[in-house]
Amino acid sequence: MDIVRHFRIELSNDGQRYLIGKRSFKSLNDLIEHYKTHPVFDADQNNKLYLTKPLIINDTNHQS
């Protein structure tokens, strides 16, 4: 079963690093590659979440 979860990714004050939790990455690609093999934190420590594929929205009425 696929589950969609949202996680806040912040930009460092100097705009050079992407932050999620206490970890920081030089690029979004680095962040994504890391979380493909390492679990993303969750409130439930027994629930390990990994990035597996991008969310693709096919709704033509969706506004960014």
C-alpha atoms as a PDB file:
ATOM      1  CA  MET A   1       0.000   0.000   0.000  1.00  0.00           C
ATOM      2  CA  ASP A   2       1.330   3.446  -0.957  1.00  0.00           C
ATOM      3  CA  ILE A   3       1.115   6.158   1.672  1.00  0.00           C
ATOM      4  CA  VAL A   4       1.767   9.828   1.001  1.00  0.00           C
ATOM      5  CA  ARG A   5       3.460  11.694   3.835  1.00  0.00           C
ATOM      6  CA  HIS A   6       4.632  15.289   3.901  1.00  0.00           C
ATOM      7  CA  PHE A   7       7.852  16.460   5.529  1.00  0.00           C
ATOM      8  CA  ARG A   8       9.042  20.025   5.877  1.00  0.00           C
ATOM      9  CA  ILE A   9      12.302  20.702   4.060  1.00  0.00           C
ATOM     10  CA  GLU A  10      13.836  23.989   5.082  1.00  0.00           C
ATOM     11  CA  LEU A  11      16.584  26.071   3.534  1.00  0.00           C
ATOM     12  CA  SER A  12      19.487  27.112   5.769  1.00  0.00           C
ATOM     13  CA  ASN A  13      19.842  30.796   6.654  1.00  0.00           C
ATOM     14  CA  ASP A  14      22.644  31.201   4.114  1.00  0.00           C
ATOM     15  CA  GLY A  15      20.583  29.429   1.436  1.00  0.00           C
ATOM     16  CA  GLN A  16      23.295  26.815   0.848  1.00  0.00           C
ATOM     17  CA  ARG A  17      21.860  23.706   2.560  1.00  0.00           C
ATOM     18  CA  TYR A  18      18.549  21.828   2.648  1.00  0.00           C
ATOM     19  CA  LEU A  19      17.475  20.808   6.140  1.00  0.00           C
ATOM     20  CA  ILE A  20      15.144  18.049   7.283  1.00  0.00           C
ATOM     21  CA  GLY A  21      15.133  17.416  11.001  1.00  0.00           C
ATOM     22  CA  LYS A  22      18.733  17.687  12.227  1.00  0.00           C
ATOM     23  CA  ARG A  23      20.278  16.601   8.916  1.00  0.00           C
ATOM     24  CA  SER A  24      21.469  18.932   6.178  1.00  0.00           C
ATOM     25  CA  PHE A  25      22.264  18.328   2.519  1.00  0.00           C
ATOM     26  CA  LYS A  26      24.025  20.297  -0.235  1.00  0.00           C
ATOM     27  CA  SER A  27      21.215  19.647  -2.720  1.00  0.00           C
ATOM     28  CA  LEU A  28      17.692  18.278  -2.924  1.00  0.00           C
ATOM     29  CA  ASN A  29      19.091  15.387  -4.963  1.00  0.00           C
ATOM     30  CA  ASP A  30      21.468  14.516  -2.097  1.00  0.00           C
ATOM     31  CA  LEU A  31      18.549  14.621   0.352  1.00  0.00           C
ATOM     32  CA  ILE A  32      16.387  12.396  -1.856  1.00  0.00           C
ATOM     33  CA  GLU A  33      19.158   9.861  -2.472  1.00  0.00           C
ATOM     34  CA  HIS A  34      19.875   9.652   1.270  1.00  0.00           C
ATOM     35  CA  TYR A  35      16.249   8.959   2.213  1.00  0.00           C
ATOM     36  CA  LYS A  36      15.876   6.244  -0.420  1.00  0.00           C
ATOM     37  CA  THR A  37      18.046   4.017   1.797  1.00  0.00           C
ATOM     38  CA  HIS A  38      17.657   5.615   5.245  1.00  0.00           C
ATOM     39  CA  PRO A  39      14.311   6.002   7.013  1.00  0.00           C
ATOM     40  CA  VAL A  40      12.761   9.437   7.367  1.00  0.00           C
ATOM     41  CA  PHE A  41      11.922  10.255  10.987  1.00  0.00           C
ATOM     42  CA  ASP A  42       8.312   9.842  12.077  1.00  0.00           C
ATOM     43  CA  ALA A  43       6.458  10.351  15.343  1.00  0.00           C
ATOM     44  CA  ASP A  44       5.933   6.576  15.486  1.00  0.00           C
ATOM     45  CA  GLN A  45       9.415   5.080  15.898  1.00  0.00           C
ATOM     46  CA  ASN A  46       8.123   1.700  14.648  1.00  0.00           C
ATOM     47  CA  ASN A  47       7.031   3.212  11.331  1.00  0.00           C
ATOM     48  CA  LYS A  48      10.053   3.502   9.002  1.00  0.00           C
ATOM     49  CA  LEU A  49       9.382   5.669   5.957  1.00  0.00           C
ATOM     50  CA  TYR A  50      11.558   5.724   2.841  1.00  0.00           C
ATOM     51  CA  LEU A  51      11.390   7.802  -0.317  1.00  0.00           C
ATOM     52  CA  THR A  52      10.493   5.438  -3.129  1.00  0.00           C
ATOM     53  CA  LYS A  53       9.099   7.458  -6.030  1.00  0.00           C
ATOM     54  CA  PRO A  54       8.021  11.012  -6.804  1.00  0.00           C
ATOM     55  CA  LEU A  55       4.408  12.058  -6.433  1.00  0.00           C
ATOM     56  CA  ILE A  56       3.059  12.897  -9.878  1.00  0.00           C
ATOM     57  CA  ILE A  57      -0.122  14.962  -9.995  1.00  0.00           C
ATOM     58  CA  ASN A  58      -2.030  14.490 -13.225  1.00  0.00           C
ATOM     59  CA  ASP A  59      -4.856  16.868 -12.338  1.00  0.00           C
ATOM     60  CA  THR A  60      -4.808  19.655 -14.973  1.00  0.00           C
ATOM     61  CA  ASN A  61      -6.836  21.837 -12.586  1.00  0.00           C
ATOM     62  CA  HIS A  62      -4.123  21.651  -9.906  1.00  0.00           C
ATOM     63  CA  GLN A  63      -2.588  25.069  -9.300  1.00  0.00           C
ATOM     64  CA  SER A  64       0.916  25.500  -7.912  1.00  0.00           C
END
